[in-house]
Amino acid sequence: MAVNLIYITTENKMEAERIGRILVEERLAACVNIIDGMNSIYRWEGKIMQDTETVLIAKTVQDKVSALTERVKALHSYDCPCVVALPIQDGNESFLNWVAEEVR
């Protein structure tokens, strides 16, 4: 079964923890990692912006990516949240099997 890392940015650590907990509770993700204090520079509505954000990395299977994305969009404070799936090409087979088992 194909496993993906889902890269998500959030406004702050509290939002990342809330979304991450829900994703794991609802078995949309096997686990999440939260990286606080990321600096972001981006263009939004014609202006260059600079903010501190929190990164949320979720591990899930390909079949759950669409449902996970929709759930994040429903929970997120941003109008256009960053939610991107990065397929895992290879890795620790027992870990990848664990991810697949946890999201069943």
C-alpha atoms as a PDB file:
ATOM      1  CA  MET A   1       0.000   0.000   0.000  1.00  0.00           C
ATOM      2  CA  ALA A   2       1.384   3.435  -0.965  1.00  0.00           C
ATOM      3  CA  VAL A   3       2.204   5.698   1.991  1.00  0.00           C
ATOM      4  CA  ASN A   4       2.372   9.502   1.796  1.00  0.00           C
ATOM      5  CA  LEU A   5       3.723  12.310   3.931  1.00  0.00           C
ATOM      6  CA  ILE A   6       1.214  15.160   4.030  1.00  0.00           C
ATOM      7  CA  TYR A   7       2.851  18.558   4.499  1.00  0.00           C
ATOM      8  CA  ILE A   8       0.514  21.096   6.120  1.00  0.00           C
ATOM      9  CA  THR A   9       1.222  24.593   7.394  1.00  0.00           C
ATOM     10  CA  THR A  10      -0.827  26.090  10.225  1.00  0.00           C
ATOM     11  CA  GLU A  11      -1.113  29.455  11.917  1.00  0.00           C
ATOM     12  CA  ASN A  12       0.341  28.243  15.218  1.00  0.00           C
ATOM     13  CA  LYS A  13       1.188  25.231  17.379  1.00  0.00           C
ATOM     14  CA  MET A  14      -2.261  25.116  18.979  1.00  0.00           C
ATOM     15  CA  GLU A  15      -3.969  24.818  15.584  1.00  0.00           C
ATOM     16  CA  ALA A  16      -1.468  22.146  14.467  1.00  0.00           C
ATOM     17  CA  GLU A  17      -2.082  20.129  17.639  1.00  0.00           C
ATOM     18  CA  ARG A  18      -5.876  20.384  17.253  1.00  0.00           C
ATOM     19  CA  ILE A  19      -5.849  19.338  13.600  1.00  0.00           C
ATOM     20  CA  GLY A  20      -3.230  16.644  14.161  1.00  0.00           C
ATOM     21  CA  ARG A  21      -5.121  15.067  17.053  1.00  0.00           C
ATOM     22  CA  ILE A  22      -8.344  14.943  15.015  1.00  0.00           C
ATOM     23  CA  LEU A  23      -6.567  13.362  12.036  1.00  0.00           C
ATOM     24  CA  VAL A  24      -5.145  10.597  14.237  1.00  0.00           C
ATOM     25  CA  GLU A  25      -8.397  10.103  16.203  1.00  0.00           C
ATOM     26  CA  GLU A  26     -10.364   9.752  12.951  1.00  0.00           C
ATOM     27  CA  ARG A  27      -7.727   7.372  11.507  1.00  0.00           C
ATOM     28  CA  LEU A  28      -6.999   9.693   8.598  1.00  0.00           C
ATOM     29  CA  ALA A  29      -3.343   9.713   9.708  1.00  0.00           C
ATOM     30  CA  ALA A  30      -1.277   7.141  11.606  1.00  0.00           C
ATOM     31  CA  CYS A  31       0.747   9.864  13.283  1.00  0.00           C
ATOM     32  CA  VAL A  32       1.687  13.509  12.921  1.00  0.00           C
ATOM     33  CA  ASN A  33       4.805  15.536  13.615  1.00  0.00           C
ATOM     34  CA  ILE A  34       4.599  19.179  14.630  1.00  0.00           C
ATOM     35  CA  ILE A  35       7.453  21.580  13.906  1.00  0.00           C
ATOM     36  CA  ASP A  36       6.876  24.973  15.487  1.00  0.00           C
ATOM     37  CA  GLY A  37       8.493  28.272  14.564  1.00  0.00           C
ATOM     38  CA  MET A  38       8.875  28.002  10.790  1.00  0.00           C
ATOM     39  CA  ASN A  39       9.420  31.329   9.023  1.00  0.00           C
ATOM     40  CA  SER A  40       7.381  31.772   5.834  1.00  0.00           C
ATOM     41  CA  ILE A  41       7.652  34.387   3.092  1.00  0.00           C
ATOM     42  CA  TYR A  42       4.889  34.326   0.509  1.00  0.00           C
ATOM     43  CA  ARG A  43       2.715  36.435  -1.761  1.00  0.00           C
ATOM     44  CA  TRP A  44      -0.918  36.792  -0.674  1.00  0.00           C
ATOM     45  CA  GLU A  45      -3.498  39.053  -2.304  1.00  0.00           C
ATOM     46  CA  GLY A  46      -0.778  40.972  -4.130  1.00  0.00           C
ATOM     47  CA  LYS A  47       1.411  41.634  -1.095  1.00  0.00           C
ATOM     48  CA  ILE A  48       4.645  40.014   0.091  1.00  0.00           C
ATOM     49  CA  MET A  49       3.998  38.600   3.556  1.00  0.00           C
ATOM     50  CA  GLN A  50       6.298  37.207   6.244  1.00  0.00           C
ATOM     51  CA  ASP A  51       4.943  35.182   9.159  1.00  0.00           C
ATOM     52  CA  THR A  52       5.854  32.500  11.637  1.00  0.00           C
ATOM     53  CA  GLU A  53       3.883  29.302  11.100  1.00  0.00           C
ATOM     54  CA  THR A  54       3.837  25.742  12.397  1.00  0.00           C
ATOM     55  CA  VAL A  55       4.390  22.719  10.161  1.00  0.00           C
ATOM     56  CA  LEU A  56       2.278  19.605  10.555  1.00  0.00           C
ATOM     57  CA  ILE A  57       3.481  16.434   8.805  1.00  0.00           C
ATOM     58  CA  ALA A  58       0.971  13.596   8.701  1.00  0.00           C
ATOM     59  CA  LYS A  59       1.614  10.011   7.587  1.00  0.00           C
ATOM     60  CA  THR A  60      -1.192   8.240   5.752  1.00  0.00           C
ATOM     61  CA  VAL A  61      -1.954   5.924   2.848  1.00  0.00           C
ATOM     62  CA  GLN A  62      -2.740   7.128  -0.659  1.00  0.00           C
ATOM     63  CA  ASP A  63      -6.393   6.082  -0.340  1.00  0.00           C
ATOM     64  CA  LYS A  64      -6.877   8.503   2.590  1.00  0.00           C
ATOM     65  CA  VAL A  65      -5.192  11.585   1.068  1.00  0.00           C
ATOM     66  CA  SER A  66      -8.370  13.076  -0.389  1.00  0.00           C
ATOM     67  CA  ALA A  67     -10.411  12.599   2.811  1.00  0.00           C
ATOM     68  CA  LEU A  68      -7.548  13.936   4.937  1.00  0.00           C
ATOM     69  CA  THR A  69      -7.210  16.999   2.703  1.00  0.00           C
ATOM     70  CA  GLU A  70     -10.932  17.765   2.915  1.00  0.00           C
ATOM     71  CA  ARG A  71     -10.904  17.338   6.701  1.00  0.00           C
ATOM     72  CA  VAL A  72      -7.933  19.686   7.082  1.00  0.00           C
ATOM     73  CA  LYS A  73      -9.648  22.283   4.883  1.00  0.00           C
ATOM     74  CA  ALA A  74     -12.772  22.076   7.073  1.00  0.00           C
ATOM     75  CA  LEU A  75     -10.769  22.452  10.317  1.00  0.00           C
ATOM     76  CA  HIS A  76      -8.201  25.023   9.173  1.00  0.00           C
ATOM     77  CA  SER A  77      -8.270  28.766   9.902  1.00  0.00           C
ATOM     78  CA  TYR A  78      -6.727  29.724   6.531  1.00  0.00           C
ATOM     79  CA  ASP A  79      -8.819  30.437   3.421  1.00  0.00           C
ATOM     80  CA  CYS A  80      -6.345  28.436   1.310  1.00  0.00           C
ATOM     81  CA  PRO A  81      -4.345  26.064   3.544  1.00  0.00           C
ATOM     82  CA  CYS A  82      -1.204  24.356   2.280  1.00  0.00           C
ATOM     83  CA  VAL A  83      -1.942  20.623   2.186  1.00  0.00           C
ATOM     84  CA  VAL A  84       0.296  18.631  -0.168  1.00  0.00           C
ATOM     85  CA  ALA A  85       0.914  14.906  -0.454  1.00  0.00           C
ATOM     86  CA  LEU A  86       4.444  13.631  -0.951  1.00  0.00           C
ATOM     87  CA  PRO A  87       4.634   9.942  -1.904  1.00  0.00           C
ATOM     88  CA  ILE A  88       7.181   7.832  -0.065  1.00  0.00           C
ATOM     89  CA  GLN A  89       9.318   5.898  -2.527  1.00  0.00           C
ATOM     90  CA  ASP A  90      10.998   3.557  -0.072  1.00  0.00           C
ATOM     91  CA  GLY A  91      11.768   3.149   3.609  1.00  0.00           C
ATOM     92  CA  ASN A  92      11.471   0.940   6.654  1.00  0.00           C
ATOM     93  CA  GLU A  93       8.898  -1.622   5.509  1.00  0.00           C
ATOM     94  CA  SER A  94       7.698  -2.368   9.045  1.00  0.00           C
ATOM     95  CA  PHE A  95       7.074   1.363   9.645  1.00  0.00           C
ATOM     96  CA  LEU A  96       5.194   1.738   6.351  1.00  0.00           C
ATOM     97  CA  ASN A  97       3.092  -1.328   7.212  1.00  0.00           C
ATOM     98  CA  TRP A  98       2.351   0.194  10.626  1.00  0.00           C
ATOM     99  CA  VAL A  99       1.082   3.391   8.952  1.00  0.00           C
ATOM    100  CA  ALA A 100      -1.202   1.358   6.693  1.00  0.00           C
ATOM    101  CA  GLU A 101      -2.525  -0.660   9.645  1.00  0.00           C
ATOM    102  CA  GLU A 102      -3.241   2.412  11.800  1.00  0.00           C
ATOM    103  CA  VAL A 103      -5.404   4.148   9.190  1.00  0.00           C
ATOM    104  CA  ARG A 104      -7.616   1.141   8.411  1.00  0.00           C
END
